[in-house]
Amino acid sequence: MLNQKWTFKNRLPIFNFQFTNLFQSAIDIRQSKIYVVFLLSSVFCLLSSATQGAGLQTPDKSVVLIRSVRQDFDYVAPWKMDHMSRSSGSGLIIAGNKILTNAHNVSNCRYVELAKENLAKRFPARILYIGHDCDLALLTVDDASFFEETAALELAGIPHVNSTVSTYGFPVGGDRISVTEGIVSRIETDTYSHSASDRHLVIQTDAAINPGNSGGPVIQDGRVVGVAFQGLREADNIGYLIPTTVIQHFLKDIEDGTYDGFGAMGTMFYPGLHNMSYRDYLQVPPNEDGVVIIATLMHSSIESILQAGDVITRIDDYNVDNDGMIQIHGLRLPLSEAVDSKQIGESVQLTFYRQGERMTVSATIALNKPIFDRERQFDRPPPYVCFAGLVFTPAGRNLLETWGPKWPEKVPFTLRYLYSHSMQLNTDRQRREYVALSAIMSDEVNAYAQDFKNLVVESINDITINSLEDVHNAFKETTARFYTIKFMGSNRILPIDGQAARARNQSILKKYQIPAEVRLETTP
């Protein structure tokens, strides 16, 4: 399910967010002024020839149509797949006979094919790399003829606000390239709707971006300044581009043959230095700005470096202001942008104050993700354990979204609270994930267990459950008289007759057409 605020550009028709605006212009030219228009046209043609001679490209030779067949996973019955659906999007050819597009164009796909304008032939494509955190993917085509009469586009920098850009793509599933112009109206950090969790730099434009434009290039002066990818439902004529800073990070990341992703600080901070009393309490000099660390993420690369009450004043060569912002790329952006500019395994220099003492340390960039998975997962079957008709799955965003578009209001309180506060709540350093009793395949052995559905498992036979594998191992005990299951936030226990459960397990799996009792963590 999609976030209420955001949706994707290539989903038809239910999840349309695009704003189909046909910009009409009428030019009233007086007869006496025709020679002026002719003169200007001649000058424009000469300038166009000169710029093309200088190396600018023709984007229509570089934009491709992407058609895909998608099949999502069922997180209620994780051994099943949802129905198949078809969608279309756009892509652009870059150096090395590669096609750059959005990850959401090819996520959970069974088949991907490409087409070019004015050519009936379709070309099967392969996904080389996919980055769900930055909504980018790289494809290729084995048939070398696909790249005949095409041109590889080059990447430029970040466009200026109030400058004009052109968006290329195949909107609404059409087979003709469409071009729309718009103005860059804002550049900021915001949430990427594909993962619904990751935040990176975005460029806002009022160019008409329609379903199918996703993955298409946004051009300025013949070079790519972004890739169209999402828009805002609650407003007209607001579309967003992935800037080339994010694209270049993705392309550099995959140079070693593996996509590692974007790192994170792994901290929570507070703009406390706006309060002069708080500044004095923390013994920060009056000429220093910065932000106050509230907490660090357990197991993060920053956990042993920073602690609550530290005040970060500088990251690398960037001064941090009292809002947690830095000057980077000629813009005022969150300090996370300095982290986004680095690859996993690289380091940043942090300058901070602790009890009045100025300190400088080096910190390694890492994923630094919380235990409760806030990101949508794609391209891998969901893990599960089904024993005695009780279905256990990791508690993550995909599970929460099975409650529908309004899931933040509808999910049970325990899951909602964990989603919001898992970083503060988890004190067990052995924990790898939270596990929920997500479904019950009704049978005589579990007929009384419905009240425990959607609760998070704390222990089985007094063995702490820190991962789905722990659940599997607990039920492998074949001599237990009872399996006593305890849940977080509940004083009740769920007792399961061990002998009856083991006797009924296979027949329950067969009755509900569940192919296996267990599927643990899988890789894409």
Protein backbone atom coordinates (compact mmCIF):
# COMPACT_ATOMS: atom_id res chain seq x y z
CA MET A 1 0.00 0.00 0.00
CA LEU A 2 1.08 3.52 -0.65
CA ASN A 3 1.77 6.37 1.72
CA GLN A 4 -1.15 8.81 1.86
CA LYS A 5 1.05 11.73 1.03
CA TRP A 6 3.02 10.19 -1.78
CA THR A 7 2.49 7.80 -4.63
CA PHE A 8 4.33 6.66 -7.72
CA LYS A 9 4.20 8.02 -11.21
CA ASN A 10 3.72 4.76 -13.09
CA ARG A 11 0.77 3.18 -11.29
CA LEU A 12 -2.53 3.26 -13.18
CA PRO A 13 -5.21 4.16 -12.49
CA ILE A 14 -5.86 3.88 -8.77
CA PHE A 15 -2.55 5.26 -7.56
CA ASN A 16 -2.27 8.22 -9.89
CA PHE A 17 -0.83 11.22 -8.26
CA GLN A 18 0.21 12.99 -11.41
CA PHE A 19 -1.19 16.24 -12.45
CA THR A 20 -2.32 16.16 -16.06
CA ASN A 21 -2.13 19.75 -17.08
CA LEU A 22 -2.05 20.71 -20.71
CA PHE A 23 -0.29 24.01 -20.91
CA GLN A 24 -1.74 25.96 -23.79
CA SER A 25 -0.14 29.06 -25.12
CA ALA A 26 -1.28 31.39 -27.82
CA ILE A 27 1.09 33.81 -29.47
CA ASP A 28 -0.51 36.79 -31.09
CA ILE A 29 1.91 38.15 -33.65
CA ARG A 30 1.10 41.30 -35.47
CA GLN A 31 1.76 41.29 -39.20
CA SER A 32 4.33 44.05 -38.88
CA LYS A 33 6.37 41.98 -36.43
CA ILE A 34 6.68 38.76 -38.46
CA TYR A 35 10.17 39.67 -39.65
CA VAL A 36 11.28 39.98 -36.00
CA VAL A 37 10.06 36.45 -35.24
CA PHE A 38 11.81 35.15 -38.34
CA LEU A 39 15.03 36.85 -37.31
CA LEU A 40 14.84 35.45 -33.78
CA SER A 41 14.10 31.99 -35.16
CA SER A 42 17.17 32.19 -37.37
CA VAL A 43 19.33 33.21 -34.43
CA PHE A 44 17.89 30.36 -32.36
CA CYS A 45 18.68 27.84 -35.09
CA LEU A 46 22.27 29.08 -35.31
CA LEU A 47 22.66 28.87 -31.52
CA SER A 48 21.10 25.41 -31.51
CA SER A 49 23.52 24.18 -34.17
CA ALA A 50 26.44 25.67 -32.26
CA THR A 51 25.44 24.09 -28.96
CA GLN A 52 24.86 20.69 -30.55
CA GLY A 53 28.25 20.98 -32.15
CA ALA A 54 29.64 21.69 -28.71
CA GLY A 55 28.43 18.31 -27.49
CA LEU A 56 24.81 18.72 -26.34
CA GLN A 57 22.65 15.67 -27.02
CA THR A 58 19.18 15.02 -28.39
CA PRO A 59 17.23 13.48 -25.49
CA ASP A 60 14.64 11.82 -27.73
CA LYS A 61 17.36 9.36 -28.80
CA SER A 62 18.08 8.54 -25.17
CA VAL A 63 14.64 7.95 -23.61
CA VAL A 64 13.12 4.46 -23.52
CA LEU A 65 9.76 2.98 -22.59
CA ILE A 66 9.79 0.38 -19.80
CA ARG A 67 7.01 -2.20 -19.49
CA SER A 68 6.96 -4.58 -16.56
CA VAL A 69 4.92 -7.41 -15.08
CA ARG A 70 4.78 -7.12 -11.31
CA GLN A 71 3.74 -9.59 -8.62
CA ASP A 72 3.86 -8.47 -5.01
CA PHE A 73 4.12 -10.63 -1.92
CA ASP A 74 1.28 -11.33 0.49
CA TYR A 75 2.36 -10.35 4.00
CA VAL A 76 -0.77 -11.79 5.63
CA ALA A 77 -0.19 -15.23 4.10
CA PRO A 78 3.53 -14.88 3.35
CA TRP A 79 3.80 -18.14 1.40
CA LYS A 80 1.46 -16.67 -1.24
CA MET A 81 1.84 -14.10 -4.00
CA ASP A 82 -0.60 -11.35 -4.97
CA HIS A 83 -2.13 -11.16 -8.44
CA MET A 84 0.06 -9.98 -11.31
CA SER A 85 -0.22 -6.47 -12.70
CA ARG A 86 1.28 -4.56 -15.60
CA SER A 87 2.75 -1.09 -15.52
CA SER A 88 4.87 1.21 -17.63
CA GLY A 89 7.50 3.81 -16.95
CA SER A 90 10.43 5.55 -18.57
CA GLY A 91 14.19 5.29 -18.52
CA LEU A 92 17.27 6.97 -19.96
CA ILE A 93 20.34 5.55 -21.63
CA ILE A 94 23.66 6.36 -19.96
CA ALA A 95 27.25 5.42 -20.71
CA GLY A 96 28.16 1.76 -21.08
CA ASN A 97 24.88 0.69 -22.76
CA LYS A 98 22.99 0.90 -19.48
CA ILE A 99 19.48 2.17 -18.77
CA LEU A 100 18.81 4.20 -15.63
CA THR A 101 15.28 4.24 -14.22
CA ASN A 102 13.32 4.23 -10.97
CA ALA A 103 13.43 1.21 -8.68
CA HIS A 104 9.65 1.31 -8.37
CA ASN A 105 9.38 0.70 -12.13
CA VAL A 106 10.94 -2.74 -11.75
CA SER A 107 10.38 -3.80 -8.11
CA ASN A 108 8.89 -7.26 -7.50
CA CYS A 109 8.94 -7.76 -11.27
CA ARG A 110 8.59 -11.06 -13.08
CA TYR A 111 9.42 -9.65 -16.51
CA VAL A 112 10.78 -6.37 -17.88
CA GLU A 113 10.96 -5.25 -21.49
CA LEU A 114 12.03 -2.04 -23.22
CA ALA A 115 10.85 -0.24 -26.33
CA LYS A 116 11.99 2.78 -28.31
CA GLU A 117 9.95 5.42 -30.04
CA ASN A 118 9.02 4.63 -33.65
CA LEU A 119 10.12 1.01 -33.33
CA ALA A 120 7.66 -1.87 -32.89
CA LYS A 121 10.18 -4.38 -31.57
CA ARG A 122 10.31 -5.02 -27.81
CA PHE A 123 13.53 -5.95 -26.06
CA PRO A 124 13.70 -8.11 -22.90
CA ALA A 125 15.75 -6.36 -20.21
CA ARG A 126 17.77 -7.49 -17.20
CA ILE A 127 17.96 -5.71 -13.86
CA LEU A 128 21.62 -5.22 -12.95
CA TYR A 129 21.31 -3.22 -9.74
CA ILE A 130 18.44 -1.81 -7.74
CA GLY A 131 18.50 0.68 -4.88
CA HIS A 132 15.17 0.83 -3.11
CA ASP A 133 16.41 3.43 -0.62
CA CYS A 134 17.10 5.91 -3.44
CA ASP A 135 14.46 4.63 -5.91
CA LEU A 136 16.97 3.97 -8.68
CA ALA A 137 17.72 0.92 -10.81
CA LEU A 138 20.13 0.08 -13.61
CA LEU A 139 19.07 -2.18 -16.49
CA THR A 140 20.67 -3.56 -19.61
CA VAL A 141 19.61 -5.28 -22.82
CA ASP A 142 21.53 -8.25 -24.20
CA ASP A 143 20.47 -7.50 -27.79
CA ALA A 144 23.10 -4.99 -28.93
CA SER A 145 20.82 -3.72 -31.71
CA PHE A 146 18.72 -1.98 -29.07
CA PHE A 147 21.44 0.64 -28.64
CA GLU A 148 21.73 1.45 -32.36
CA GLU A 149 20.93 5.08 -33.12
CA THR A 150 20.78 5.96 -29.43
CA ALA A 151 22.80 8.48 -27.46
CA ALA A 152 24.07 8.21 -23.90
CA LEU A 153 23.06 11.16 -21.77
CA GLU A 154 25.49 12.92 -19.44
CA LEU A 155 24.81 14.06 -15.90
CA ALA A 156 25.00 17.71 -14.88
CA GLY A 157 24.90 19.36 -11.47
CA ILE A 158 22.01 20.69 -9.41
CA PRO A 159 19.90 23.25 -11.34
CA HIS A 160 19.24 26.68 -9.89
CA VAL A 161 15.89 27.54 -8.38
CA ASN A 162 13.68 29.41 -10.86
CA SER A 163 15.49 27.89 -13.85
CA THR A 164 13.67 25.98 -16.61
CA VAL A 165 13.87 22.19 -17.03
CA SER A 166 12.29 19.77 -19.52
CA THR A 167 10.88 16.38 -18.50
CA TYR A 168 11.02 13.55 -21.06
CA GLY A 169 9.13 10.28 -20.87
CA PHE A 170 6.27 8.08 -21.99
CA PRO A 171 3.28 9.27 -19.91
CA VAL A 172 0.05 7.30 -19.57
CA GLY A 173 1.57 4.29 -21.28
CA GLY A 174 1.83 6.03 -24.66
CA ASP A 175 4.40 5.01 -27.25
CA ARG A 176 5.43 8.55 -28.18
CA ILE A 177 7.90 10.60 -26.19
CA SER A 178 6.33 13.51 -24.36
CA VAL A 179 8.18 16.67 -23.35
CA THR A 180 6.94 19.11 -20.70
CA GLU A 181 8.66 22.20 -19.40
CA GLY A 182 8.59 23.61 -15.90
CA ILE A 183 10.37 25.74 -13.37
CA VAL A 184 12.55 24.48 -10.54
CA SER A 185 10.69 25.84 -7.54
CA ARG A 186 12.42 24.25 -4.52
CA ILE A 187 15.38 22.05 -3.55
CA GLU A 188 15.22 20.30 -0.18
CA THR A 189 15.49 16.98 1.64
CA ASP A 190 12.31 14.90 1.74
CA THR A 191 10.99 11.35 2.03
CA TYR A 192 11.27 9.01 -0.97
CA SER A 193 7.86 7.40 -1.33
CA HIS A 194 9.12 4.09 -2.74
CA SER A 195 10.67 2.96 0.54
CA ALA A 196 8.45 5.41 2.50
CA SER A 197 11.29 5.88 4.98
CA ASP A 198 14.51 7.10 3.38
CA ARG A 199 15.10 10.83 3.08
CA HIS A 200 17.36 12.34 0.44
CA LEU A 201 17.68 15.48 -1.64
CA VAL A 202 14.76 16.21 -4.00
CA ILE A 203 14.11 18.87 -6.63
CA GLN A 204 10.60 20.26 -6.91
CA THR A 205 9.24 21.42 -10.25
CA ASP A 206 5.92 22.48 -11.74
CA ALA A 207 6.55 20.60 -15.00
CA ALA A 208 3.57 18.44 -16.01
CA ILE A 209 4.56 14.92 -14.91
CA ASN A 210 2.06 12.18 -15.67
CA PRO A 211 1.74 8.41 -15.06
CA GLY A 212 4.55 6.70 -16.93
CA ASN A 213 7.01 9.60 -16.64
CA SER A 214 8.72 7.88 -13.71
CA GLY A 215 12.36 7.21 -14.51
CA GLY A 216 12.46 9.66 -17.38
CA PRO A 217 15.25 12.25 -17.59
CA VAL A 218 14.83 15.88 -16.67
CA ILE A 219 17.02 17.93 -18.99
CA GLN A 220 18.62 21.35 -18.78
CA ASP A 221 21.00 22.60 -21.46
CA GLY A 222 21.23 19.14 -23.01
CA ARG A 223 22.28 17.29 -19.87
CA VAL A 224 20.46 15.40 -17.12
CA VAL A 225 19.75 17.31 -13.90
CA GLY A 226 17.39 14.72 -12.44
CA VAL A 227 15.07 11.74 -12.86
CA ALA A 228 11.30 12.17 -12.42
CA PHE A 229 9.96 9.96 -9.65
CA GLN A 230 7.12 11.21 -7.42
CA GLY A 231 4.68 14.00 -6.66
CA LEU A 232 2.39 15.48 -4.05
CA ARG A 233 -1.27 14.44 -3.98
CA GLU A 234 -2.53 17.41 -2.03
CA ALA A 235 -1.33 20.04 -4.52
CA ASP A 236 -1.49 20.75 -8.25
CA ASN A 237 1.55 20.89 -10.51
CA ILE A 238 4.09 19.70 -7.96
CA GLY A 239 6.41 16.96 -9.14
CA TYR A 240 9.77 15.81 -7.81
CA LEU A 241 13.08 14.78 -9.34
CA ILE A 242 15.93 12.68 -7.99
CA PRO A 243 18.95 14.99 -8.33
CA THR A 244 22.23 13.95 -9.85
CA THR A 245 23.97 13.96 -6.45
CA VAL A 246 21.85 10.94 -5.50
CA ILE A 247 22.25 9.35 -8.95
CA GLN A 248 26.04 9.70 -8.85
CA HIS A 249 26.14 8.14 -5.37
CA PHE A 250 24.17 5.16 -6.70
CA LEU A 251 26.41 4.75 -9.76
CA LYS A 252 29.60 4.99 -7.72
CA ASP A 253 28.26 2.52 -5.15
CA ILE A 254 27.74 -0.23 -7.74
CA GLU A 255 31.22 0.08 -9.25
CA ASP A 256 32.42 -2.79 -7.04
CA GLY A 257 29.57 -5.05 -8.22
CA THR A 258 27.38 -4.65 -5.12
CA TYR A 259 24.87 -2.03 -4.06
CA ASP A 260 25.39 -1.17 -0.39
CA GLY A 261 23.01 1.76 -0.01
CA PHE A 262 23.05 5.12 1.74
CA GLY A 263 24.38 5.44 5.25
CA ALA A 264 22.77 7.19 8.21
CA MET A 265 23.96 9.02 11.31
CA GLY A 266 22.16 6.69 13.71
CA THR A 267 21.37 9.52 16.12
CA MET A 268 18.44 11.52 17.39
CA PHE A 269 19.11 15.20 17.98
CA TYR A 270 17.34 18.27 19.30
CA PRO A 271 17.77 21.96 18.27
CA GLY A 272 18.32 22.92 21.90
CA LEU A 273 20.89 25.69 21.43
CA HIS A 274 18.15 28.11 20.47
CA ASN A 275 17.58 28.18 24.23
CA MET A 276 20.39 30.22 25.79
CA SER A 277 19.89 28.57 29.18
CA TYR A 278 20.29 25.14 27.60
CA ARG A 279 23.44 26.33 25.81
CA ASP A 280 24.90 27.49 29.11
CA TYR A 281 23.85 24.25 30.82
CA LEU A 282 25.74 22.23 28.18
CA GLN A 283 28.75 24.59 28.42
CA VAL A 284 28.80 25.43 24.73
CA PRO A 285 30.67 28.67 23.85
CA PRO A 286 28.37 31.54 22.79
CA ASN A 287 30.00 31.77 19.35
CA GLU A 288 29.27 28.10 18.49
CA ASP A 289 26.11 26.71 16.86
CA GLY A 290 25.05 23.07 16.75
CA VAL A 291 22.49 20.44 17.71
CA VAL A 292 22.13 18.35 20.87
CA ILE A 293 22.31 14.54 20.72
CA ILE A 294 19.36 12.90 22.49
CA ALA A 295 20.22 9.25 21.79
CA THR A 296 22.28 6.99 19.56
CA LEU A 297 21.08 3.87 17.80
CA MET A 298 22.09 0.58 19.40
CA HIS A 299 24.80 -1.24 17.39
CA SER A 300 25.32 1.83 15.20
CA SER A 301 28.78 2.94 14.08
CA ILE A 302 28.26 6.11 16.14
CA GLU A 303 27.16 4.46 19.42
CA SER A 304 30.65 4.33 20.94
CA ILE A 305 31.50 7.86 19.78
CA LEU A 306 28.59 10.11 20.75
CA GLN A 307 26.36 10.12 23.79
CA ALA A 308 23.29 11.97 25.00
CA GLY A 309 24.11 15.60 25.77
CA ASP A 310 26.88 15.95 23.19
CA VAL A 311 26.53 18.95 20.85
CA ILE A 312 27.60 18.47 17.23
CA THR A 313 28.96 21.74 15.81
CA ARG A 314 30.74 20.57 12.66
CA ILE A 315 30.70 17.62 10.23
CA ASP A 316 33.71 17.44 7.92
CA ASP A 317 34.22 21.02 6.68
CA TYR A 318 30.61 22.07 7.26
CA ASN A 319 29.47 24.14 10.22
CA VAL A 320 26.23 22.86 11.77
CA ASP A 321 23.71 25.57 12.71
CA ASN A 322 21.16 25.45 15.52
CA ASP A 323 18.59 23.82 13.23
CA GLY A 324 20.95 21.01 12.25
CA MET A 325 21.57 22.50 8.80
CA ILE A 326 24.77 22.94 6.81
CA GLN A 327 25.78 24.85 3.68
CA ILE A 328 26.42 22.23 0.96
CA HIS A 329 25.96 22.19 -2.83
CA GLY A 330 25.38 25.93 -2.53
CA LEU A 331 22.25 25.20 -0.48
CA ARG A 332 21.21 25.11 3.18
CA LEU A 333 20.39 21.46 3.83
CA PRO A 334 20.22 19.02 6.80
CA LEU A 335 23.57 17.70 8.04
CA SER A 336 22.49 14.26 6.75
CA GLU A 337 23.43 15.51 3.28
CA ALA A 338 27.09 15.35 4.29
CA VAL A 339 26.53 11.68 5.16
CA ASP A 340 24.66 11.06 1.90
CA SER A 341 27.67 12.34 -0.02
CA LYS A 342 29.78 9.47 1.37
CA GLN A 343 29.76 5.76 0.60
CA ILE A 344 29.30 2.99 3.15
CA GLY A 345 32.66 2.38 4.84
CA GLU A 346 33.96 5.91 4.32
CA SER A 347 34.34 8.24 7.28
CA VAL A 348 33.35 11.73 8.39
CA GLN A 349 34.98 14.03 10.90
CA LEU A 350 32.69 15.09 13.74
CA THR A 351 33.41 18.06 15.97
CA PHE A 352 31.34 18.25 19.14
CA TYR A 353 31.29 19.56 22.70
CA ARG A 354 30.96 17.31 25.73
CA GLN A 355 30.63 19.04 29.10
CA GLY A 356 32.38 22.10 27.73
CA GLU A 357 35.26 20.21 26.10
CA ARG A 358 35.70 20.49 22.34
CA MET A 359 36.38 17.09 20.71
CA THR A 360 37.01 15.86 17.15
CA VAL A 361 36.60 12.22 16.10
CA SER A 362 36.31 10.15 12.95
CA ALA A 363 33.10 8.14 12.43
CA THR A 364 32.50 5.38 9.89
CA ILE A 365 29.50 5.64 7.56
CA ALA A 366 27.20 2.62 7.98
CA LEU A 367 23.56 1.70 7.33
CA ASN A 368 22.66 2.20 11.01
CA LYS A 369 19.07 0.95 10.75
CA PRO A 370 16.64 0.50 13.66
CA ILE A 371 15.49 -2.94 14.83
CA PHE A 372 11.89 -2.28 13.76
CA ASP A 373 12.10 -2.09 9.97
CA ARG A 374 10.56 1.18 8.82
CA GLU A 375 11.25 0.65 5.12
CA ARG A 376 9.12 -1.19 2.59
CA GLN A 377 10.84 -4.38 1.45
CA PHE A 378 10.89 -5.59 -2.14
CA ASP A 379 12.23 -8.39 -4.29
CA ARG A 380 12.49 -11.00 -1.53
CA PRO A 381 9.86 -13.44 -0.22
CA PRO A 382 8.82 -12.56 3.34
CA PRO A 383 10.12 -14.99 5.98
CA TYR A 384 7.71 -16.81 8.27
CA VAL A 385 7.23 -19.72 10.65
CA CYS A 386 3.92 -21.63 10.70
CA PHE A 387 3.53 -24.12 13.53
CA ALA A 388 0.22 -25.56 14.78
CA GLY A 389 -1.51 -23.06 12.50
CA LEU A 390 0.16 -20.10 14.22
CA VAL A 391 1.90 -17.84 11.69
CA PHE A 392 4.84 -15.77 12.93
CA THR A 393 6.47 -13.03 10.84
CA PRO A 394 8.88 -10.16 11.49
CA ALA A 395 7.10 -6.97 12.51
CA GLY A 396 7.97 -4.40 9.85
CA ARG A 397 6.39 -1.81 7.62
CA ASN A 398 5.18 -4.34 5.04
CA LEU A 399 3.15 -6.10 7.73
CA LEU A 400 1.70 -2.83 9.03
CA GLU A 401 0.59 -1.77 5.55
CA THR A 402 -1.65 -4.83 5.26
CA TRP A 403 -4.12 -2.76 7.29
CA GLY A 404 -4.56 -0.51 4.24
CA PRO A 405 -3.78 3.12 3.35
CA LYS A 406 -4.84 4.33 6.81
CA TRP A 407 -2.71 1.78 8.64
CA PRO A 408 -1.22 4.30 11.12
CA GLU A 409 -4.73 4.63 12.56
CA LYS A 410 -5.83 1.01 12.24
CA VAL A 411 -2.92 -1.17 13.36
CA PRO A 412 -3.06 -2.56 16.91
CA PHE A 413 -1.60 -0.26 19.53
CA THR A 414 1.39 -2.50 20.36
CA LEU A 415 2.61 -2.53 16.75
CA ARG A 416 1.99 1.17 16.29
CA TYR A 417 3.86 2.01 19.48
CA LEU A 418 6.79 -0.21 18.54
CA TYR A 419 6.97 1.38 15.10
CA SER A 420 7.24 4.84 16.65
CA HIS A 421 9.45 4.09 19.67
CA SER A 422 11.41 0.90 19.03
CA MET A 423 14.73 2.75 19.19
CA GLN A 424 14.04 3.85 22.78
CA LEU A 425 12.20 0.68 23.86
CA ASN A 426 14.75 -1.93 22.86
CA THR A 427 17.25 -2.65 25.61
CA ASP A 428 18.22 -6.18 24.53
CA ARG A 429 21.50 -6.11 22.63
CA GLN A 430 20.82 -9.62 21.29
CA ARG A 431 17.60 -8.57 19.55
CA ARG A 432 17.68 -8.69 15.76
CA GLU A 433 13.97 -8.06 15.07
CA TYR A 434 10.51 -8.06 16.61
CA VAL A 435 8.30 -11.07 15.77
CA ALA A 436 4.50 -10.92 15.64
CA LEU A 437 1.81 -13.59 15.63
CA SER A 438 0.44 -12.26 12.35
CA ALA A 439 -2.16 -14.89 11.37
CA ILE A 440 -3.89 -18.00 12.68
CA MET A 441 -4.85 -20.92 10.44
CA SER A 442 -7.85 -22.10 12.46
CA ASP A 443 -7.74 -25.65 13.77
CA GLU A 444 -8.83 -27.48 16.90
CA VAL A 445 -5.35 -27.13 18.35
CA ASN A 446 -5.45 -23.32 18.22
CA ALA A 447 -9.18 -22.56 18.29
CA TYR A 448 -8.86 -20.36 21.38
CA ALA A 449 -5.88 -18.29 20.21
CA GLN A 450 -7.59 -15.50 18.22
CA ASP A 451 -7.23 -12.93 21.02
CA PHE A 452 -3.44 -13.15 20.70
CA LYS A 453 -3.32 -12.33 17.00
CA ASN A 454 -1.06 -9.36 16.06
CA LEU A 455 0.73 -9.34 19.41
CA VAL A 456 4.53 -9.29 19.54
CA VAL A 457 6.17 -12.42 20.95
CA GLU A 458 8.30 -11.98 24.05
CA SER A 459 9.25 -15.60 24.81
CA ILE A 460 8.40 -19.24 24.12
CA ASN A 461 8.95 -21.61 27.05
CA ASP A 462 10.84 -18.77 28.77
CA ILE A 463 13.31 -18.51 25.88
CA THR A 464 13.55 -14.87 24.76
CA ILE A 465 12.54 -14.37 21.14
CA ASN A 466 15.00 -12.00 19.47
CA SER A 467 14.45 -13.20 15.92
CA LEU A 468 12.22 -15.39 13.77
CA GLU A 469 14.89 -18.07 13.90
CA ASP A 470 14.42 -18.21 17.69
CA VAL A 471 10.74 -19.04 17.12
CA HIS A 472 11.67 -21.84 14.74
CA ASN A 473 14.19 -23.27 17.19
CA ALA A 474 11.71 -23.11 20.10
CA PHE A 475 9.16 -25.22 18.22
CA LYS A 476 11.82 -27.75 17.25
CA GLU A 477 11.77 -28.93 20.87
CA THR A 478 9.89 -32.24 20.50
CA THR A 479 9.59 -33.20 24.19
CA ALA A 480 7.78 -30.12 25.47
CA ARG A 481 4.44 -30.88 27.15
CA PHE A 482 3.27 -27.35 26.40
CA TYR A 483 4.58 -24.49 24.33
CA THR A 484 3.87 -21.44 26.52
CA ILE A 485 3.99 -18.23 24.50
CA LYS A 486 4.30 -14.87 26.23
CA PHE A 487 3.65 -11.54 24.49
CA MET A 488 4.93 -8.01 25.02
CA GLY A 489 2.55 -5.77 26.91
CA SER A 490 0.31 -8.65 27.98
CA ASN A 491 0.03 -10.59 31.25
CA ARG A 492 -1.71 -13.52 29.54
CA ILE A 493 0.08 -16.52 28.12
CA LEU A 494 -0.91 -18.69 25.17
CA PRO A 495 -0.43 -22.39 26.02
CA ILE A 496 -0.28 -24.82 23.09
CA ASP A 497 -0.53 -28.57 23.75
CA GLY A 498 2.84 -29.80 22.51
CA GLN A 499 1.80 -33.34 21.58
CA ALA A 500 -1.35 -32.21 19.79
CA ALA A 501 0.51 -29.42 17.97
CA ARG A 502 3.18 -31.78 16.67
CA ALA A 503 0.55 -34.30 15.60
CA ARG A 504 -1.63 -31.74 13.82
CA ASN A 505 1.10 -29.58 12.26
CA GLN A 506 1.52 -31.34 8.91
CA SER A 507 -2.22 -31.76 8.35
CA ILE A 508 -2.74 -28.03 9.01
CA LEU A 509 -0.03 -27.15 6.48
CA LYS A 510 -1.66 -29.43 3.94
CA LYS A 511 -5.19 -28.15 4.64
CA TYR A 512 -4.17 -24.51 4.06
CA GLN A 513 -1.82 -25.33 1.18
CA ILE A 514 1.24 -23.99 2.98
CA PRO A 515 4.27 -25.43 1.17
CA ALA A 516 6.68 -25.39 4.14
CA GLU A 517 6.63 -24.90 7.88
CA VAL A 518 9.40 -22.32 7.80
CA ARG A 519 11.10 -19.86 5.48
CA LEU A 520 13.77 -17.81 7.19
CA GLU A 521 15.46 -14.64 5.96
CA THR A 522 16.09 -14.63 2.21
CA THR A 523 18.30 -12.49 0.01
CA PRO A 524 17.20 -10.83 -3.25
